[in-house]
Amino acid sequence: MQRQGVAAGQKAGMDLVPVEARKPEELDIAFAALKRENVQAILAVSDGFLLSQRQRITQLALRERLPSMFQQREYPEAGG
């Protein structure tokens, strides 16, 4: 799935930087990787874990001043 997303991004003229987080402590690592890669925006693909961490994700995105897109309304309701 990641390869398909990266390929679709390239066709649209964007470089996508996939990062994963499966545990709460990996969120900081993921956002540090995004910062190192100098990303300009994020798209959080929702799953059960990420949805449960929506407040932390929105806080990190705001702290890093990253425009964010989310698939579920719970993210904006959490401050995103």
C-alpha atoms as a PDB file:
ATOM      1  CA  MET A   1       0.000   0.000   0.000  1.00  0.00           C
ATOM      2  CA  GLN A   2       2.825   2.447   0.809  1.00  0.00           C
ATOM      3  CA  ARG A   3       4.414   1.893  -2.588  1.00  0.00           C
ATOM      4  CA  GLN A   4       1.116   2.668  -4.302  1.00  0.00           C
ATOM      5  CA  GLY A   5       0.756   5.882  -2.291  1.00  0.00           C
ATOM      6  CA  VAL A   6       4.301   6.984  -3.054  1.00  0.00           C
ATOM      7  CA  ALA A   7       3.801   6.226  -6.758  1.00  0.00           C
ATOM      8  CA  ALA A   8       0.513   8.160  -6.815  1.00  0.00           C
ATOM      9  CA  GLY A   9       2.205  11.100  -5.102  1.00  0.00           C
ATOM     10  CA  GLN A  10       4.996  11.122  -7.646  1.00  0.00           C
ATOM     11  CA  LYS A  11       2.471  11.190 -10.496  1.00  0.00           C
ATOM     12  CA  ALA A  12       0.909  14.245  -8.835  1.00  0.00           C
ATOM     13  CA  GLY A  13       4.317  15.910  -8.513  1.00  0.00           C
ATOM     14  CA  MET A  14       4.671  15.294  -4.776  1.00  0.00           C
ATOM     15  CA  ASP A  15       7.257  13.412  -2.784  1.00  0.00           C
ATOM     16  CA  LEU A  16       5.500  11.397  -0.093  1.00  0.00           C
ATOM     17  CA  VAL A  17       7.343  10.421   3.075  1.00  0.00           C
ATOM     18  CA  PRO A  18       5.601   7.464   4.718  1.00  0.00           C
ATOM     19  CA  VAL A  19       6.174   7.060   8.446  1.00  0.00           C
ATOM     20  CA  GLU A  20       4.665   4.556  10.842  1.00  0.00           C
ATOM     21  CA  ALA A  21       3.793   4.582  14.499  1.00  0.00           C
ATOM     22  CA  ARG A  22       2.313   1.565  16.238  1.00  0.00           C
ATOM     23  CA  LYS A  23       2.924   2.578  19.849  1.00  0.00           C
ATOM     24  CA  PRO A  24       2.430   5.944  21.581  1.00  0.00           C
ATOM     25  CA  GLU A  25       6.168   6.453  22.040  1.00  0.00           C
ATOM     26  CA  GLU A  26       6.708   6.028  18.293  1.00  0.00           C
ATOM     27  CA  LEU A  27       4.664   9.159  17.513  1.00  0.00           C
ATOM     28  CA  ASP A  28       7.507  11.461  18.589  1.00  0.00           C
ATOM     29  CA  ILE A  29       9.926   9.422  16.463  1.00  0.00           C
ATOM     30  CA  ALA A  30       7.584   9.654  13.467  1.00  0.00           C
ATOM     31  CA  PHE A  31       7.213  13.427  13.781  1.00  0.00           C
ATOM     32  CA  ALA A  32      10.982  13.820  14.195  1.00  0.00           C
ATOM     33  CA  ALA A  33      11.406  11.914  10.920  1.00  0.00           C
ATOM     34  CA  LEU A  34       8.892  14.220   9.239  1.00  0.00           C
ATOM     35  CA  LYS A  35      10.816  17.241  10.495  1.00  0.00           C
ATOM     36  CA  ARG A  36      14.138  15.819   9.239  1.00  0.00           C
ATOM     37  CA  GLU A  37      12.570  15.241   5.830  1.00  0.00           C
ATOM     38  CA  ASN A  38      11.255  18.822   5.809  1.00  0.00           C
ATOM     39  CA  VAL A  39       7.701  17.764   4.966  1.00  0.00           C
ATOM     40  CA  GLN A  40       5.212  20.526   4.294  1.00  0.00           C
ATOM     41  CA  ALA A  41       1.966  18.780   5.331  1.00  0.00           C
ATOM     42  CA  ILE A  42       0.676  15.513   6.744  1.00  0.00           C
ATOM     43  CA  LEU A  43      -2.134  13.132   5.918  1.00  0.00           C
ATOM     44  CA  ALA A  44      -2.964  10.850   8.823  1.00  0.00           C
ATOM     45  CA  VAL A  45      -4.339   7.569   7.521  1.00  0.00           C
ATOM     46  CA  SER A  46      -6.708   6.344  10.162  1.00  0.00           C
ATOM     47  CA  ASP A  47      -6.623   3.072  11.967  1.00  0.00           C
ATOM     48  CA  GLY A  48      -7.664   2.139  15.490  1.00  0.00           C
ATOM     49  CA  PHE A  49      -4.347   3.048  17.089  1.00  0.00           C
ATOM     50  CA  LEU A  50      -3.968   6.408  15.357  1.00  0.00           C
ATOM     51  CA  LEU A  51      -7.558   7.318  16.120  1.00  0.00           C
ATOM     52  CA  SER A  52      -6.926   6.559  19.802  1.00  0.00           C
ATOM     53  CA  GLN A  53      -3.911   8.911  19.644  1.00  0.00           C
ATOM     54  CA  ARG A  54      -5.680  11.735  17.768  1.00  0.00           C
ATOM     55  CA  GLN A  55      -5.115  14.350  20.464  1.00  0.00           C
ATOM     56  CA  ARG A  56      -1.381  13.655  20.555  1.00  0.00           C
ATOM     57  CA  ILE A  57      -1.162  13.618  16.764  1.00  0.00           C
ATOM     58  CA  THR A  58      -2.967  16.946  16.449  1.00  0.00           C
ATOM     59  CA  GLN A  59      -0.761  18.441  19.193  1.00  0.00           C
ATOM     60  CA  LEU A  60       2.400  17.304  17.422  1.00  0.00           C
ATOM     61  CA  ALA A  61       1.175  18.631  14.071  1.00  0.00           C
ATOM     62  CA  LEU A  62       0.349  22.002  15.633  1.00  0.00           C
ATOM     63  CA  ARG A  63       3.687  22.148  17.445  1.00  0.00           C
ATOM     64  CA  GLU A  64       5.541  21.461  14.210  1.00  0.00           C
ATOM     65  CA  ARG A  65       3.261  23.861  12.306  1.00  0.00           C
ATOM     66  CA  LEU A  66       2.331  21.180   9.789  1.00  0.00           C
ATOM     67  CA  PRO A  67      -0.884  21.620   7.822  1.00  0.00           C
ATOM     68  CA  SER A  68      -2.820  18.409   8.366  1.00  0.00           C
ATOM     69  CA  MET A  69      -5.491  16.362   6.621  1.00  0.00           C
ATOM     70  CA  PHE A  70      -7.487  13.695   8.390  1.00  0.00           C
ATOM     71  CA  GLN A  71      -9.980  11.079   7.269  1.00  0.00           C
ATOM     72  CA  GLN A  72     -12.248  11.355  10.293  1.00  0.00           C
ATOM     73  CA  ARG A  73     -13.980  14.254  12.011  1.00  0.00           C
ATOM     74  CA  GLU A  74     -12.674  13.175  15.405  1.00  0.00           C
ATOM     75  CA  TYR A  75      -9.285  14.687  14.565  1.00  0.00           C
ATOM     76  CA  PRO A  76     -10.521  18.256  14.062  1.00  0.00           C
ATOM     77  CA  GLU A  77     -12.720  17.803  17.111  1.00  0.00           C
ATOM     78  CA  ALA A  78      -9.510  16.950  19.013  1.00  0.00           C
ATOM     79  CA  GLY A  79      -7.885  20.187  17.872  1.00  0.00           C
ATOM     80  CA  GLY A  80      -6.510  19.285  14.445  1.00  0.00           C
END
